[in-house]
Amino acid sequence: MPSRKSISAEADFDAVVVGAGFAGVYLVYRLRALGLSVRLYEAAPGVGGTWYWDRYPGAACDIESLEYSYSFSEDLQREWSWSRRFARQPEILAYINHVVDRFDLRQHMQFETRVLSAAFDGGTALWRVTTDRSGEVTARFAVMAVGYMSTPKADEIDGLDRFAGELYRTFDWPDRAVEFAGKQVGVVGTGPSGIQCIPVIAEQAETLTVFQRTPNFSVSVQNGPMDSGYQERIKATYHEVRRKERNSECGIDIWMDALKIPTTAVSADEMEAEFERRWEAGGLYLLTSYTDILFDPEANARVAEFVRRKIRAKIDDPELAELLVPKGYAFGSRRVCTDSNYFETFNRPNVKLVDIRSSPIAAVEETGLRTGDRLHELDMLVLATGFDALTGALERMDIRGRDNEALRDRWANGPLTNFGMMTARFPNFFMVDCAHHPFTSYNTVPGVEFQTEWVTDLIEHMRRNLFRTVEPTRDAERWYTDHLQEVGARTLLADGDNWYNGANVRGKLRVLRSYYGGFQSYKKLVLDSVAQGYAGFRFQDM
């Protein structure tokens, strides 16, 4: 570990990092490599971020283990072996703990500590960061690595305190075994978390009632034990795999490459065969098929109908199948889920579906949920109701920039950023894996590596040139924010009621919060700015 070489002797730390997920851990690694003093604060008792909290039954990644992992260390890549093609939550948590201990990063982290506020002091050019345990500390740089899926939505079911049974939430699952055997269980929500936990709960519960508002597109994940020979072959060519990830749009390129042609370039039979090939591969490879899938309604309708046929074939009751088949929105305009036997679960005699769009939850009673004039008696209720994504975590903290301006006020009409990594009037304030990035459609781990490297390279650039502060210009920020909206409007992703645009949160302003121009376009914008001496950013000398 390099010796401490502070760039800010008057501050407690050179940098404060908030959040100990994949982004926060790599930030501490890179900042320490520069010789800077760092303190990371994390509300959880340990590292992992989303993978610490989301311990619900069946929790797993929808990206291949060999790609949903760090690439910054060749030794780390060679020595860690995955047990499954798509890692489950416990293994991902074990991996990130291994990384922290292998590089001796834990000593720079403080757990069970929630950041309440961060305020920029214009006189000293320091950030004053207040937590619920340590009082106030100062730092030259404040780096938010809070994640874009870390803040749950507020409960939208009134009267939950009346329920006398066991109540659980997928985003805050207890670190202990939960017994479902012999119980009448209800699950509210059929997004990614619900789709993963429902098959597991159904195998154990006496009865399972699923309350569904919107059916989701979900593809079979085809998970299984990792083939050791296959893993060793990938490790032998990891350099090429990572190069392909960094130069692709989605960053998932092990099993099959993204196509470079639109649906109009092939016959209907060829298209069907390609869809079938990608379906059988498992995972999200349908999204990396033809280039017009997320842009052309006709192309999207073809892949959507292909998935609908696959779903119908899994369900014995045709009437029930029509309730579970997604309709009325484009494939990909809501997050595409991955599952293991989700739709087949509804063939079980102990599982029933309640459509709460046609018969909403009317009341919570001591013994269960009432929809219409029917009481569904429950011993246990599981809420899988989603997140206030992309901006929720930042807006819940009291973050203040120049002249005491609150970030939540500045973002009242939607986030304003340059590249999703800085916002004007908040000097030396960085965001990794928050809003305005392309990682809702790109592999998150190489994505946060790219952003972290940009942040730490910029800090090193400031140190070499004796710059005191950096922030985006308003013109650059406005251009990027407008560009993001214009690019998103050309896709089918802007049309859905989804967390990409905030429509899933009651009362939240509907505006795109993620970049849909693709990772390669995003990367070019960022690197072109660097090549031009960080064009779009304003520096202040010491």
Foldseek 3Di string as FASTA:
>chain_A
DDAADEPAVVFPWQEEEEAQALLRLVLLVLCVVVRTQYAYEEQAPDHHQQLVFQPFAQAWDLAFPLQLDDDPDLVLSVPDDDFKRIGHSVVSVVSSVCSCVVSVPCVRYDYSKAWFEWEQDPVSCWIWIQIPPDGTGIHNFYEYANAFFRFAFDDPAPDPVQAQFAEAESSGHDPDDDAQAAWEEEEEDDDQSCLRNVLVSLVHHQAYEYEDAFAAAEAAQPMDTDDPVLSVVCSVVVVVLQVVLLVFQASRPDPHAQDPAAPVVDDPVVVLVVLVVQRVNHGDCVVRYHPCCFFDPVNQVSSLVVSLVVLCVLADDNVVSVVNRGDDATHPLAQHYYHHCSSNSCNDPRYDYDHCNVFNFDHAHHQATDTDNDGDGGNYYYYHQGRLGQCVVQLSHAYAFPPRHGLCVVQVQHDFAQLQFFHPRHKSYTYANGWAEANSRYSRNVRSVVRSVLSSVVVVVCSVVQWSIKGFDNVNRVVSQVVQQVQVVSTSNLVDCYSQQSNSHPPRNGGGTYGDPGSVVSVCSSVVCVVVVNPRMDTHHD
